[in-house]
């Protein structure tokens, strides 16, 4: 290993330059707040699969931890995901969800604070039920690829691989996509009117969590590297693999929303043609006495 300074320089050049950390086509579009209800529902279904599969990856990372300290760090994330609020020295930021800093030790468990349940509440505002969400069978091919790679790399039994994937995911989460989604939901609500407010705490809470965590990713990496020989080539390769999978996920969502938009345009055009045809028929059908006149003439003729 070339030393932490050299390794950090290499990571900034080779990994932090990955296109998905600079942005992605899906959240750049979503941020504009132009999603239709169908597009919003489709997004929530795919994101719910990722949210559930992250639990699998985090559990595997915990089970494959290389030390008691590493296991506890994974437990912190996993327990918070399933509903244990962080408990810090300061007053909790949210009575239900806890704080954005601190530890789960001594924290309070609430079913309603589970991140997946927060997402279920968001989805309910768009007519989706619990049974419509989270299952692998609901995933598109792109979402499934991302989730499979997440479980494989983030939960890898070789903890060096898991650490590289984890570091990549943390930098992705800290790169701003949560904020773009929050702005997009705000625009979506504004277009639908005040009567269509959604419970968006799944998104706003994650944006706050990641904003607080963003400054610690390099410190945590330095701590992990301290006193060990790191295979830099392998670390870089695994981090890039993880980010490639993230790109597949976003690109899949972008494809899906375009397909939905095309289907909606075709449906609108078809509906317009049906309305025009119905109006044309209404104009050509005689009404009142005019409808019986031919029959009366035939009767007179027969007599």
Protein backbone atom coordinates (compact mmCIF):
# COMPACT_ATOMS: atom_id res chain seq x y z
CA UNK A 1 0.00 0.00 0.00
CA UNK A 2 1.24 3.49 -0.87
CA UNK A 3 0.16 5.14 2.40
CA UNK A 4 -3.17 6.73 3.22
CA UNK A 5 -2.42 9.97 1.40
CA UNK A 6 -1.51 8.13 -1.77
CA UNK A 7 -4.46 5.78 -1.45
CA UNK A 8 -6.86 8.66 -0.91
CA UNK A 9 -5.49 10.41 -3.98
CA UNK A 10 -6.00 7.27 -6.02
CA UNK A 11 -9.56 6.82 -4.76
CA UNK A 12 -10.43 10.41 -5.58
CA UNK A 13 -9.06 10.01 -9.09
CA UNK A 14 -10.34 6.53 -9.95
CA UNK A 15 -13.48 6.03 -7.85
CA UNK A 16 -14.85 9.44 -6.89
CA UNK A 17 -14.86 10.33 -10.59
CA UNK A 18 -17.43 7.61 -11.28
CA UNK A 19 -20.32 9.22 -13.22
CA UNK A 20 -22.99 8.06 -10.76
CA UNK A 21 -21.41 10.15 -7.98
CA UNK A 22 -21.76 13.26 -10.13
CA UNK A 23 -25.41 12.55 -10.88
CA UNK A 24 -27.71 10.26 -12.77
CA UNK A 25 -30.43 10.73 -15.39
CA UNK A 26 -33.26 9.50 -13.19
CA UNK A 27 -32.92 11.78 -10.14
CA UNK A 28 -32.02 14.71 -12.44
CA UNK A 29 -35.45 14.19 -14.04
CA UNK A 30 -37.29 13.36 -10.81
CA UNK A 31 -35.98 16.50 -9.14
CA UNK A 32 -38.07 18.58 -11.56
CA UNK A 33 -41.24 17.30 -9.89
CA UNK A 34 -42.78 16.24 -13.21
CA UNK A 35 -43.49 12.58 -12.35
CA UNK A 36 -47.00 11.35 -13.02
CA UNK A 37 -48.76 9.33 -10.29
CA UNK A 38 -48.04 6.13 -12.25
CA UNK A 39 -44.34 7.01 -12.53
CA UNK A 40 -44.20 7.86 -8.82
CA UNK A 41 -45.82 4.55 -7.88
CA UNK A 42 -43.43 2.60 -10.10
CA UNK A 43 -40.47 4.33 -8.46
CA UNK A 44 -41.72 3.55 -4.96
CA UNK A 45 -42.15 -0.14 -5.79
CA UNK A 46 -38.59 -0.43 -7.13
CA UNK A 47 -37.10 1.57 -4.26
CA UNK A 48 -38.99 -0.57 -1.76
CA UNK A 49 -37.32 -3.69 -3.16
CA UNK A 50 -33.93 -2.04 -2.69
CA UNK A 51 -34.88 -0.95 0.84
CA UNK A 52 -35.77 -4.51 1.84
CA UNK A 53 -32.79 -6.11 0.12
CA UNK A 54 -30.46 -3.68 1.89
CA UNK A 55 -31.47 -5.41 5.13
CA UNK A 56 -30.20 -8.71 3.70
CA UNK A 57 -26.90 -7.11 2.68
CA UNK A 58 -26.47 -5.38 6.03
CA UNK A 59 -27.22 -8.58 7.94
CA UNK A 60 -24.61 -10.46 5.91
CA UNK A 61 -22.08 -7.67 6.51
CA UNK A 62 -22.72 -7.98 10.24
CA UNK A 63 -22.38 -11.78 10.21
CA UNK A 64 -19.14 -11.59 8.22
CA UNK A 65 -17.60 -8.87 10.41
CA UNK A 66 -13.89 -9.23 11.02
CA UNK A 67 -14.02 -7.95 14.60
CA UNK A 68 -16.44 -7.30 17.44
CA UNK A 69 -16.17 -3.57 16.78
CA UNK A 70 -17.02 -4.05 13.10
CA UNK A 71 -19.96 -6.26 14.04
CA UNK A 72 -21.28 -3.59 16.38
CA UNK A 73 -20.95 -0.94 13.69
CA UNK A 74 -23.05 -3.09 11.36
CA UNK A 75 -25.58 -3.70 14.12
CA UNK A 76 -25.95 0.06 14.56
CA UNK A 77 -27.05 0.43 10.94
CA UNK A 78 -29.20 -2.70 10.89
CA UNK A 79 -31.00 -1.91 14.14
CA UNK A 80 -31.69 1.65 13.02
CA UNK A 81 -33.11 0.32 9.74
CA UNK A 82 -35.60 -1.90 11.57
CA UNK A 83 -36.77 0.74 14.03
CA UNK A 84 -34.28 1.53 16.81
CA UNK A 85 -33.63 5.25 17.04
CA UNK A 86 -30.15 6.66 17.56
CA UNK A 87 -29.70 8.00 21.07
CA UNK A 88 -27.19 10.81 21.41
CA UNK A 89 -26.29 13.27 24.10
CA UNK A 90 -28.51 15.92 22.62
CA UNK A 91 -32.28 15.83 22.63
CA UNK A 92 -33.70 13.48 20.01
CA UNK A 93 -34.34 15.18 16.68
CA UNK A 94 -37.60 13.31 16.19
CA UNK A 95 -39.84 11.86 18.89
CA UNK A 96 -40.54 8.78 16.80
CA UNK A 97 -37.32 8.28 14.82
CA UNK A 98 -34.70 9.39 17.33
CA UNK A 99 -31.60 11.37 16.48
CA UNK A 100 -29.39 11.59 13.42
CA UNK A 101 -26.31 10.94 15.56
CA UNK A 102 -25.44 8.75 18.51
CA UNK A 103 -25.84 5.03 19.08
CA UNK A 104 -28.68 2.55 19.08
CA UNK A 105 -27.54 1.39 22.51
CA UNK A 106 -30.19 2.59 24.94
CA UNK A 107 -32.33 3.71 22.04
CA UNK A 108 -36.03 2.96 21.75
CA UNK A 109 -37.45 0.43 19.32
CA UNK A 110 -40.63 1.37 17.50
CA UNK A 111 -42.23 -0.61 14.71
CA UNK A 112 -43.33 2.65 13.13
CA UNK A 113 -39.72 3.92 13.02
CA UNK A 114 -38.58 1.10 10.73
CA UNK A 115 -37.40 2.63 7.47
CA UNK A 116 -39.46 0.24 5.37
CA UNK A 117 -42.59 1.20 7.31
CA UNK A 118 -41.85 4.86 6.60
CA UNK A 119 -41.75 3.99 2.91
CA UNK A 120 -45.01 2.04 3.21
CA UNK A 121 -46.65 5.19 4.59
CA UNK A 122 -45.38 7.24 1.66
CA UNK A 123 -46.68 4.66 -0.80
CA UNK A 124 -50.10 4.51 0.89
CA UNK A 125 -50.68 8.11 -0.20
CA UNK A 126 -50.51 6.90 -3.80
CA UNK A 127 -52.78 3.91 -3.35
CA UNK A 128 -50.10 1.26 -2.82
CA UNK A 129 -50.49 -1.32 -0.07
CA UNK A 130 -47.92 -3.17 2.02
CA UNK A 131 -48.38 -6.25 -0.15
CA UNK A 132 -47.53 -4.22 -3.27
CA UNK A 133 -44.05 -3.40 -1.99
CA UNK A 134 -40.65 -4.85 -1.18
CA UNK A 135 -40.78 -8.30 -2.75
CA UNK A 136 -38.03 -9.37 -5.11
CA UNK A 137 -40.64 -10.53 -7.61
CA UNK A 138 -41.70 -6.91 -8.10
CA UNK A 139 -38.20 -5.88 -9.20
CA UNK A 140 -37.27 -5.02 -12.75
CA UNK A 141 -34.21 -6.73 -14.19
CA UNK A 142 -32.13 -3.63 -13.43
CA UNK A 143 -33.31 -3.37 -9.82
CA UNK A 144 -32.71 -7.06 -9.27
CA UNK A 145 -29.17 -6.78 -10.66
CA UNK A 146 -28.42 -3.92 -8.27
CA UNK A 147 -29.84 -5.77 -5.27
CA UNK A 148 -27.96 -8.95 -6.13
CA UNK A 149 -24.69 -7.03 -6.43
CA UNK A 150 -25.42 -5.23 -3.16
CA UNK A 151 -25.86 -8.52 -1.33
CA UNK A 152 -22.85 -10.08 -3.06
CA UNK A 153 -20.38 -7.23 -2.53
CA UNK A 154 -21.64 -5.32 0.52
CA UNK A 155 -22.34 -8.60 2.34
CA UNK A 156 -19.26 -10.45 1.06
CA UNK A 157 -17.58 -12.93 3.40
CA UNK A 158 -14.23 -11.33 2.56
CA UNK A 159 -14.57 -8.26 4.74
CA UNK A 160 -12.16 -6.25 2.58
CA UNK A 161 -14.60 -6.64 -0.32
CA UNK A 162 -17.51 -5.66 1.94
CA UNK A 163 -15.62 -2.61 3.17
CA UNK A 164 -14.90 -1.43 -0.38
CA UNK A 165 -18.55 -1.83 -1.36
CA UNK A 166 -19.71 -0.17 1.86
CA UNK A 167 -17.42 2.79 1.30
CA UNK A 168 -18.74 3.14 -2.26
CA UNK A 169 -22.38 3.00 -1.09
CA UNK A 170 -21.71 5.59 1.61
CA UNK A 171 -20.21 7.98 -0.92
CA UNK A 172 -23.16 7.39 -3.26
CA UNK A 173 -25.61 8.15 -0.44
CA UNK A 174 -23.66 11.28 0.45
CA UNK A 175 -23.49 12.54 -3.15
CA UNK A 176 -26.87 14.29 -3.05
CA UNK A 177 -29.42 11.94 -4.56
CA UNK A 178 -31.55 12.01 -1.39
CA UNK A 179 -31.83 15.79 -1.62
CA UNK A 180 -32.80 15.55 -5.30
CA UNK A 181 -35.55 13.07 -4.46
CA UNK A 182 -36.86 15.29 -1.64
CA UNK A 183 -37.03 18.28 -4.00
CA UNK A 184 -38.76 16.12 -6.60
CA UNK A 185 -41.42 14.97 -4.14
CA UNK A 186 -42.00 18.58 -3.09
CA UNK A 187 -42.61 19.50 -6.73
CA UNK A 188 -44.83 16.48 -7.22
CA UNK A 189 -46.99 17.53 -4.27
CA UNK A 190 -47.14 21.13 -5.48
CA UNK A 191 -48.46 20.04 -8.87
CA UNK A 192 -51.14 17.84 -7.29
CA UNK A 193 -52.40 20.44 -4.81
CA UNK A 194 -52.59 20.84 -1.06
CA UNK A 195 -55.10 18.01 -0.68
CA UNK A 196 -52.56 15.44 -1.92
CA UNK A 197 -49.88 15.69 0.76
CA UNK A 198 -47.73 12.59 1.26
CA UNK A 199 -45.87 11.31 4.30
CA UNK A 200 -42.34 11.87 3.01
CA UNK A 201 -40.32 11.18 6.15
CA UNK A 202 -38.64 8.17 4.56
CA UNK A 203 -36.95 10.56 2.14
CA UNK A 204 -36.49 13.64 4.33
CA UNK A 205 -35.10 11.57 7.22
CA UNK A 206 -32.59 9.77 5.00
CA UNK A 207 -31.50 13.11 3.56
CA UNK A 208 -30.77 14.33 7.10
CA UNK A 209 -28.99 11.12 8.10
CA UNK A 210 -26.71 11.17 5.07
CA UNK A 211 -25.97 14.89 5.36
CA UNK A 212 -24.68 14.19 8.86
CA UNK A 213 -22.72 11.12 7.80
CA UNK A 214 -21.13 12.53 4.65
CA UNK A 215 -18.24 14.18 6.49
CA UNK A 216 -17.22 10.93 8.20
CA UNK A 217 -16.71 8.58 5.23
CA UNK A 218 -13.01 9.38 4.77
CA UNK A 219 -12.29 9.29 8.50
CA UNK A 220 -13.91 5.87 8.75
CA UNK A 221 -11.89 4.59 5.80
CA UNK A 222 -8.66 5.86 7.31
CA UNK A 223 -9.52 4.12 10.57
CA UNK A 224 -10.17 0.85 8.75
CA UNK A 225 -6.92 1.09 6.77
CA UNK A 226 -4.85 1.86 9.85
CA UNK A 227 -2.46 -0.94 10.77
CA UNK A 228 -3.31 -3.23 7.84
CA UNK A 229 -2.00 -3.96 4.39
CA UNK A 230 -4.72 -2.94 1.96
CA UNK A 231 -4.86 -4.37 -1.54
CA UNK A 232 -5.54 -1.07 -3.28
CA UNK A 233 -6.22 -2.60 -6.69
CA UNK A 234 -8.84 -4.95 -5.25
CA UNK A 235 -10.44 -2.19 -3.17
CA UNK A 236 -10.73 0.12 -6.17
CA UNK A 237 -12.10 -2.67 -8.36
CA UNK A 238 -14.78 -3.71 -5.87
CA UNK A 239 -15.81 -0.10 -5.18
CA UNK A 240 -16.21 0.49 -8.92
CA UNK A 241 -18.24 -2.70 -9.29
CA UNK A 242 -20.60 -1.48 -6.60
CA UNK A 243 -21.01 1.92 -8.25
CA UNK A 244 -21.56 0.28 -11.63
CA UNK A 245 -24.47 -1.63 -10.07
CA UNK A 246 -25.87 1.64 -8.71
CA UNK A 247 -25.75 3.03 -12.25
CA UNK A 248 -27.68 0.03 -13.53
CA UNK A 249 -30.35 0.72 -10.92
CA UNK A 250 -30.81 4.40 -11.82
CA UNK A 251 -30.66 3.74 -15.56
CA UNK A 252 -33.31 1.04 -15.14
CA UNK A 253 -35.57 3.48 -13.33
CA UNK A 254 -35.00 6.04 -16.07
CA UNK A 255 -35.96 3.51 -18.73
CA UNK A 256 -39.05 2.52 -16.79
CA UNK A 257 -40.30 6.08 -16.34
CA UNK A 258 -39.84 6.72 -20.10
CA UNK A 259 -41.80 3.57 -20.93
CA UNK A 260 -44.60 4.68 -18.61
CA UNK A 261 -44.62 8.15 -20.20
CA UNK A 262 -44.89 6.58 -23.67
CA UNK A 263 -47.75 4.33 -22.55
CA UNK A 264 -49.54 7.30 -20.97
CA UNK A 265 -49.18 9.37 -24.16
CA UNK A 266 -50.59 6.52 -26.22
CA UNK A 267 -53.49 6.10 -23.82
CA UNK A 268 -54.26 9.82 -23.97
CA UNK A 269 -54.14 9.75 -27.77
CA UNK A 270 -56.39 6.68 -27.85
CA UNK A 271 -58.85 8.31 -25.47
CA UNK A 272 -58.89 11.45 -27.62
CA UNK A 273 -59.62 9.36 -30.72
CA UNK A 274 -62.45 7.56 -28.93
CA UNK A 275 -63.96 10.85 -27.82
CA UNK A 276 -63.68 12.30 -31.32
CA UNK A 277 -65.33 9.21 -32.82
CA UNK A 278 -68.15 9.35 -30.28
CA UNK A 279 -68.71 13.04 -31.01
CA UNK A 280 -68.79 12.37 -34.75
CA UNK A 281 -71.36 9.61 -34.31
CA UNK A 282 -73.50 11.88 -32.17
CA UNK A 283 -73.51 14.53 -34.93
CA UNK A 284 -74.58 12.10 -37.70
CA UNK A 285 -77.41 10.27 -35.86
CA UNK A 286 -80.86 11.89 -36.59
CA UNK A 287 -82.95 12.75 -33.57
CA UNK A 288 -86.65 13.15 -32.71
CA UNK A 289 -89.17 13.08 -35.58
CA UNK A 290 -86.47 12.78 -38.19
CA UNK A 291 -85.75 9.24 -36.99
CA UNK A 292 -89.32 8.06 -37.69
CA UNK A 293 -89.85 9.92 -40.96
CA UNK A 294 -88.42 7.18 -43.22
CA UNK A 295 -90.58 4.56 -41.55
CA UNK A 296 -93.70 6.72 -41.96
CA UNK A 297 -92.96 7.27 -45.63
CA UNK A 298 -92.63 3.54 -46.17
CA UNK A 299 -95.98 2.98 -44.52
CA UNK A 300 -97.67 5.58 -46.73
CA UNK A 301 -96.09 4.08 -49.78
CA UNK A 302 -97.31 0.59 -48.87
CA UNK A 303 -100.90 1.79 -48.51
